[in-house]
């Protein structure tokens, strides 16, 4: 979840920050850092993320896109907050979470080729 949040800050933070007024109170992540919910909404509303773009959501019976931004429960923000703050009741395993996070990071960096490592 940390890797996803950092990837979204890196890829969408600058543009998402331009769309909203400056915060009155800064978040613990530093001045001007955006929350995960804002970055996920930006990814869907402005970068065109759909369930078709995420391979882990293409499996039969999987319609998890509503769990990304908050209409379904638990959503990614709830899961992240539970893991980060030690939720004693909701910290159980979430099936497919690792694959979903990987697919979302790959989507965010889809226009950036991976660097070739010298051998």
N, C-alpha and C. Protein backbone atom coordinates (compact mmCIF):
# COMPACT_ATOMS: atom_id res chain seq x y z
N UNK A 1 0.82 -1.19 0.00
CA UNK A 1 0.00 0.00 0.00
C UNK A 1 0.87 1.26 0.00
N UNK A 2 2.00 1.20 0.68
CA UNK A 2 2.91 2.34 0.68
C UNK A 2 3.46 2.58 -0.72
N UNK A 3 3.82 1.49 -1.40
CA UNK A 3 4.33 1.63 -2.77
C UNK A 3 3.29 2.24 -3.69
N UNK A 4 2.03 1.86 -3.53
CA UNK A 4 0.96 2.44 -4.34
C UNK A 4 0.82 3.93 -4.06
N UNK A 5 0.79 4.29 -2.79
CA UNK A 5 0.63 5.70 -2.43
C UNK A 5 1.79 6.55 -2.95
N UNK A 6 3.00 6.04 -2.84
CA UNK A 6 4.16 6.78 -3.35
C UNK A 6 4.13 6.89 -4.87
N UNK A 7 3.73 5.82 -5.55
CA UNK A 7 3.64 5.85 -7.01
C UNK A 7 2.60 6.87 -7.46
N UNK A 8 1.46 6.92 -6.79
CA UNK A 8 0.43 7.88 -7.16
C UNK A 8 0.86 9.30 -6.86
N UNK A 9 1.55 9.51 -5.74
CA UNK A 9 2.09 10.85 -5.44
C UNK A 9 3.06 11.27 -6.54
N UNK A 10 3.91 10.34 -6.95
CA UNK A 10 4.92 10.63 -7.97
C UNK A 10 4.28 10.94 -9.32
N UNK A 11 3.31 10.14 -9.73
CA UNK A 11 2.73 10.28 -11.06
C UNK A 11 1.64 11.35 -11.15
N UNK A 12 0.81 11.48 -10.11
CA UNK A 12 -0.36 12.36 -10.21
C UNK A 12 -0.35 13.52 -9.22
N UNK A 13 0.58 13.53 -8.29
CA UNK A 13 0.57 14.54 -7.24
C UNK A 13 0.58 15.97 -7.74
N UNK A 14 1.46 16.26 -8.69
CA UNK A 14 1.57 17.62 -9.21
C UNK A 14 0.30 18.09 -9.89
N UNK A 15 -0.26 17.25 -10.74
CA UNK A 15 -1.48 17.62 -11.47
C UNK A 15 -2.69 17.66 -10.54
N UNK A 16 -2.80 16.70 -9.63
CA UNK A 16 -3.94 16.67 -8.71
C UNK A 16 -3.91 17.87 -7.78
N UNK A 17 -2.73 18.30 -7.40
CA UNK A 17 -2.58 19.45 -6.51
C UNK A 17 -3.09 20.72 -7.18
N UNK A 18 -2.94 20.83 -8.50
CA UNK A 18 -3.39 22.02 -9.23
C UNK A 18 -4.91 22.13 -9.27
N UNK A 19 -5.60 21.01 -9.13
CA UNK A 19 -7.06 21.00 -9.25
C UNK A 19 -7.79 21.35 -7.96
N UNK A 20 -7.08 21.40 -6.87
CA UNK A 20 -7.76 21.68 -5.61
C UNK A 20 -7.14 22.88 -4.90
N UNK A 21 -7.93 23.55 -4.08
CA UNK A 21 -7.38 24.70 -3.35
C UNK A 21 -6.33 24.26 -2.34
N UNK A 22 -5.41 25.15 -1.97
CA UNK A 22 -4.39 24.76 -0.99
C UNK A 22 -5.03 24.39 0.35
N UNK A 23 -4.51 23.33 0.99
CA UNK A 23 -5.10 22.90 2.26
C UNK A 23 -4.80 23.88 3.39
N UNK A 24 -5.76 23.96 4.33
CA UNK A 24 -5.57 24.82 5.50
C UNK A 24 -4.60 24.17 6.48
N UNK A 25 -4.68 22.86 6.57
CA UNK A 25 -3.80 22.10 7.45
C UNK A 25 -3.04 21.10 6.60
N UNK A 26 -1.74 21.04 6.78
CA UNK A 26 -0.95 20.10 5.98
C UNK A 26 -1.04 18.70 6.57
N UNK A 27 -0.95 17.71 5.73
CA UNK A 27 -0.99 16.31 6.15
C UNK A 27 0.38 15.90 6.69
N UNK A 28 0.44 14.83 7.48
CA UNK A 28 1.71 14.39 8.04
C UNK A 28 2.76 14.04 7.00
N UNK A 29 2.36 13.73 5.77
CA UNK A 29 3.30 13.35 4.73
C UNK A 29 4.17 14.50 4.26
N UNK A 30 3.92 15.68 4.73
CA UNK A 30 4.70 16.84 4.32
C UNK A 30 3.78 17.92 3.77
N UNK A 31 4.31 19.10 3.59
CA UNK A 31 3.48 20.18 3.10
C UNK A 31 2.98 19.91 1.70
N UNK A 32 1.69 20.04 1.53
CA UNK A 32 1.10 19.85 0.21
C UNK A 32 0.88 18.42 -0.22
N UNK A 33 1.17 17.43 0.65
CA UNK A 33 0.95 16.03 0.24
C UNK A 33 -0.55 15.76 0.18
N UNK A 34 -0.94 14.93 -0.73
CA UNK A 34 -2.34 14.61 -0.94
C UNK A 34 -2.66 13.26 -0.33
N UNK A 35 -3.90 13.09 0.06
CA UNK A 35 -4.32 11.82 0.61
C UNK A 35 -4.54 10.79 -0.48
N UNK A 36 -4.58 9.53 -0.08
CA UNK A 36 -4.75 8.43 -1.03
C UNK A 36 -6.09 8.54 -1.75
N UNK A 37 -7.15 8.93 -1.05
CA UNK A 37 -8.46 9.04 -1.66
C UNK A 37 -8.46 10.04 -2.82
N UNK A 38 -7.81 11.16 -2.63
CA UNK A 38 -7.74 12.19 -3.68
C UNK A 38 -6.97 11.67 -4.88
N UNK A 39 -5.87 11.00 -4.63
CA UNK A 39 -5.05 10.47 -5.72
C UNK A 39 -5.78 9.37 -6.49
N UNK A 40 -6.50 8.50 -5.81
CA UNK A 40 -7.27 7.46 -6.48
C UNK A 40 -8.38 8.05 -7.33
N UNK A 41 -9.08 9.06 -6.78
CA UNK A 41 -10.13 9.72 -7.57
C UNK A 41 -9.54 10.40 -8.80
N UNK A 42 -8.37 11.02 -8.65
CA UNK A 42 -7.73 11.66 -9.80
C UNK A 42 -7.38 10.61 -10.86
N UNK A 43 -6.89 9.48 -10.41
CA UNK A 43 -6.51 8.41 -11.33
C UNK A 43 -7.70 7.94 -12.16
N UNK A 44 -8.87 7.86 -11.56
CA UNK A 44 -10.06 7.40 -12.26
C UNK A 44 -10.69 8.52 -13.10
N UNK A 45 -10.82 9.71 -12.51
CA UNK A 45 -11.54 10.78 -13.19
C UNK A 45 -10.70 11.49 -14.26
N UNK A 46 -9.39 11.58 -14.08
CA UNK A 46 -8.58 12.37 -15.01
C UNK A 46 -7.59 11.55 -15.83
N UNK A 47 -7.26 10.34 -15.38
CA UNK A 47 -6.34 9.51 -16.15
C UNK A 47 -7.06 8.37 -16.85
N UNK A 48 -8.36 8.24 -16.62
CA UNK A 48 -9.15 7.27 -17.35
C UNK A 48 -9.05 5.84 -16.89
N UNK A 49 -8.70 5.60 -15.64
CA UNK A 49 -8.61 4.23 -15.13
C UNK A 49 -10.00 3.58 -15.16
N UNK A 50 -10.08 2.41 -15.75
CA UNK A 50 -11.30 1.61 -15.76
C UNK A 50 -10.95 0.19 -15.35
N UNK A 51 -11.97 -0.60 -15.08
CA UNK A 51 -11.74 -2.00 -14.71
C UNK A 51 -11.10 -2.78 -15.84
N UNK A 52 -11.32 -2.35 -17.08
CA UNK A 52 -10.74 -3.04 -18.23
C UNK A 52 -9.21 -2.91 -18.23
N UNK A 53 -8.70 -1.82 -17.69
CA UNK A 53 -7.25 -1.57 -17.70
C UNK A 53 -6.50 -2.37 -16.64
N UNK A 54 -7.20 -2.94 -15.70
CA UNK A 54 -6.55 -3.67 -14.61
C UNK A 54 -6.76 -5.18 -14.78
N UNK A 55 -5.72 -5.93 -15.12
CA UNK A 55 -5.87 -7.37 -15.34
C UNK A 55 -6.46 -8.12 -14.14
N UNK A 56 -6.18 -7.70 -12.94
CA UNK A 56 -6.69 -8.42 -11.77
C UNK A 56 -8.20 -8.26 -11.62
N UNK A 57 -8.80 -7.27 -12.27
CA UNK A 57 -10.24 -7.07 -12.19
C UNK A 57 -10.98 -7.75 -13.34
N UNK A 58 -10.25 -8.38 -14.25
CA UNK A 58 -10.87 -9.02 -15.41
C UNK A 58 -11.34 -10.44 -15.12
N UNK A 59 -11.03 -10.96 -13.97
CA UNK A 59 -11.45 -12.32 -13.64
C UNK A 59 -12.98 -12.37 -13.52
N UNK A 60 -13.58 -13.50 -13.82
CA UNK A 60 -15.04 -13.61 -13.74
C UNK A 60 -15.55 -13.32 -12.32
N UNK A 61 -16.63 -12.59 -12.24
CA UNK A 61 -17.23 -12.30 -10.95
C UNK A 61 -16.55 -11.19 -10.18
N UNK A 62 -15.59 -10.51 -10.78
CA UNK A 62 -14.87 -9.45 -10.09
C UNK A 62 -15.31 -8.09 -10.61
N UNK A 63 -15.97 -7.32 -9.79
CA UNK A 63 -16.30 -5.94 -10.15
C UNK A 63 -15.86 -5.08 -8.96
N UNK A 64 -14.56 -4.89 -8.85
CA UNK A 64 -14.00 -4.23 -7.67
C UNK A 64 -13.67 -2.76 -7.87
N UNK A 65 -13.96 -2.20 -9.04
CA UNK A 65 -13.59 -0.81 -9.28
C UNK A 65 -14.25 0.13 -8.26
N UNK A 66 -15.47 -0.19 -7.84
CA UNK A 66 -16.14 0.67 -6.85
C UNK A 66 -15.45 0.62 -5.49
N UNK A 67 -14.65 -0.42 -5.24
CA UNK A 67 -13.92 -0.50 -3.98
C UNK A 67 -12.64 0.32 -3.99
N UNK A 68 -12.27 0.84 -5.15
CA UNK A 68 -11.05 1.64 -5.21
C UNK A 68 -11.27 3.02 -4.63
N UNK A 69 -12.35 3.70 -5.01
CA UNK A 69 -12.56 5.08 -4.59
C UNK A 69 -13.50 5.26 -3.42
N UNK A 70 -14.18 4.23 -2.98
CA UNK A 70 -14.92 4.41 -1.76
C UNK A 70 -16.39 4.08 -1.78
N UNK A 71 -16.99 3.68 -2.91
CA UNK A 71 -18.40 3.36 -2.87
C UNK A 71 -18.66 1.96 -2.32
N UNK A 72 -17.68 1.08 -2.44
CA UNK A 72 -17.78 -0.26 -1.86
C UNK A 72 -16.95 -0.32 -0.58
N UNK A 73 -17.32 -1.22 0.31
CA UNK A 73 -16.58 -1.36 1.56
C UNK A 73 -16.03 -2.75 1.71
N UNK A 74 -14.84 -2.94 2.20
CA UNK A 74 -13.86 -1.90 2.49
C UNK A 74 -13.20 -1.43 1.21
N UNK A 75 -12.92 -0.14 1.12
CA UNK A 75 -12.24 0.38 -0.06
C UNK A 75 -10.74 0.45 0.22
N UNK A 76 -9.97 0.82 -0.79
CA UNK A 76 -8.51 0.83 -0.63
C UNK A 76 -8.06 1.78 0.48
N UNK A 77 -8.77 2.89 0.64
CA UNK A 77 -8.39 3.84 1.69
C UNK A 77 -8.64 3.23 3.07
N UNK A 78 -9.76 2.55 3.24
CA UNK A 78 -10.05 1.87 4.52
C UNK A 78 -9.01 0.80 4.83
N UNK A 79 -8.66 0.02 3.80
CA UNK A 79 -7.66 -1.04 3.99
C UNK A 79 -6.32 -0.44 4.36
N UNK A 80 -5.91 0.60 3.65
CA UNK A 80 -4.62 1.26 3.92
C UNK A 80 -4.59 1.83 5.32
N UNK A 81 -5.67 2.50 5.74
CA UNK A 81 -5.71 3.08 7.08
C UNK A 81 -5.70 2.01 8.15
N UNK A 82 -6.41 0.91 7.90
CA UNK A 82 -6.40 -0.19 8.86
C UNK A 82 -5.03 -0.80 9.02
N UNK A 83 -4.32 -0.98 7.91
CA UNK A 83 -2.97 -1.54 7.98
C UNK A 83 -1.99 -0.56 8.61
N UNK A 84 -2.13 0.72 8.30
CA UNK A 84 -1.19 1.71 8.80
C UNK A 84 -1.37 2.01 10.28
N UNK A 85 -2.61 1.91 10.77
CA UNK A 85 -2.88 2.29 12.15
C UNK A 85 -3.21 1.13 13.06
N UNK A 86 -3.03 -0.09 12.57
CA UNK A 86 -3.19 -1.26 13.41
C UNK A 86 -4.62 -1.56 13.81
N UNK A 87 -5.53 -1.61 12.86
CA UNK A 87 -6.92 -1.94 13.13
C UNK A 87 -7.00 -3.39 13.62
N UNK A 88 -7.41 -3.62 14.88
CA UNK A 88 -7.41 -4.99 15.41
C UNK A 88 -8.50 -5.88 14.83
N UNK A 89 -9.54 -5.30 14.22
CA UNK A 89 -10.66 -6.10 13.74
C UNK A 89 -10.69 -6.23 12.22
N UNK A 90 -10.07 -5.31 11.49
CA UNK A 90 -10.17 -5.34 10.04
C UNK A 90 -8.87 -5.60 9.33
N UNK A 91 -7.88 -6.09 10.01
CA UNK A 91 -6.57 -6.28 9.41
C UNK A 91 -6.37 -7.63 8.76
N UNK A 92 -7.47 -8.31 8.44
CA UNK A 92 -7.32 -9.63 7.85
C UNK A 92 -6.92 -9.55 6.39
N UNK A 93 -6.59 -10.68 5.85
CA UNK A 93 -6.14 -10.78 4.47
C UNK A 93 -7.24 -10.35 3.51
N UNK A 94 -6.89 -9.58 2.51
CA UNK A 94 -7.81 -9.16 1.45
C UNK A 94 -7.42 -9.87 0.18
N UNK A 95 -8.25 -10.76 -0.30
CA UNK A 95 -7.94 -11.55 -1.49
C UNK A 95 -7.75 -10.64 -2.70
N UNK A 96 -6.65 -10.82 -3.39
CA UNK A 96 -6.38 -10.07 -4.60
C UNK A 96 -5.79 -8.69 -4.40
N UNK A 97 -5.54 -8.30 -3.16
CA UNK A 97 -5.04 -6.95 -2.90
C UNK A 97 -3.66 -6.72 -3.50
N UNK A 98 -2.77 -7.67 -3.37
CA UNK A 98 -1.41 -7.51 -3.90
C UNK A 98 -1.46 -7.37 -5.42
N UNK A 99 -2.28 -8.18 -6.08
CA UNK A 99 -2.39 -8.10 -7.54
C UNK A 99 -3.00 -6.78 -7.97
N UNK A 100 -4.00 -6.30 -7.24
CA UNK A 100 -4.64 -5.03 -7.58
C UNK A 100 -3.66 -3.87 -7.44
N UNK A 101 -2.91 -3.85 -6.34
CA UNK A 101 -1.93 -2.79 -6.13
C UNK A 101 -0.87 -2.82 -7.22
N UNK A 102 -0.38 -4.01 -7.56
CA UNK A 102 0.61 -4.14 -8.63
C UNK A 102 0.06 -3.61 -9.95
N UNK A 103 -1.17 -3.98 -10.29
CA UNK A 103 -1.78 -3.53 -11.54
C UNK A 103 -1.97 -2.01 -11.56
N UNK A 104 -2.32 -1.44 -10.42
CA UNK A 104 -2.52 0.01 -10.38
C UNK A 104 -1.19 0.75 -10.53
N UNK A 105 -0.13 0.23 -9.94
CA UNK A 105 1.19 0.85 -10.10
C UNK A 105 1.64 0.72 -11.55
N UNK A 106 1.45 -0.45 -12.14
CA UNK A 106 1.79 -0.63 -13.56
C UNK A 106 1.00 0.33 -14.44
N UNK A 107 -0.27 0.55 -14.13
CA UNK A 107 -1.09 1.48 -14.90
C UNK A 107 -0.57 2.91 -14.77
N UNK A 108 -0.21 3.29 -13.55
CA UNK A 108 0.29 4.65 -13.33
C UNK A 108 1.57 4.91 -14.10
N UNK A 109 2.41 3.90 -14.24
CA UNK A 109 3.69 4.05 -14.93
C UNK A 109 3.67 3.46 -16.35
N UNK A 110 2.51 3.28 -16.92
CA UNK A 110 2.40 2.62 -18.22
C UNK A 110 3.10 3.36 -19.35
N UNK A 111 3.23 4.68 -19.26
CA UNK A 111 3.88 5.46 -20.32
C UNK A 111 5.37 5.64 -20.08
N UNK A 112 5.87 5.07 -19.00
CA UNK A 112 7.28 5.21 -18.65
C UNK A 112 7.96 3.85 -18.74
N UNK A 113 8.77 3.63 -19.76
CA UNK A 113 9.42 2.32 -19.88
C UNK A 113 10.38 2.09 -18.72
N UNK A 114 10.50 0.84 -18.34
CA UNK A 114 11.43 0.50 -17.27
C UNK A 114 12.85 0.69 -17.76
N UNK A 115 13.71 1.22 -16.92
CA UNK A 115 15.11 1.42 -17.36
C UNK A 115 15.81 0.07 -17.58
N UNK A 116 16.66 0.05 -18.55
CA UNK A 116 17.43 -1.15 -18.84
C UNK A 116 18.63 -1.17 -17.92
N UNK A 117 18.77 -2.26 -17.18
CA UNK A 117 19.90 -2.36 -16.25
C UNK A 117 21.12 -2.90 -16.98
N UNK A 118 22.25 -2.24 -16.81
CA UNK A 118 23.46 -2.77 -17.45
C UNK A 118 23.88 -4.09 -16.79
N UNK A 119 24.41 -4.98 -17.59
CA UNK A 119 24.80 -6.29 -17.04
C UNK A 119 26.27 -6.35 -16.75
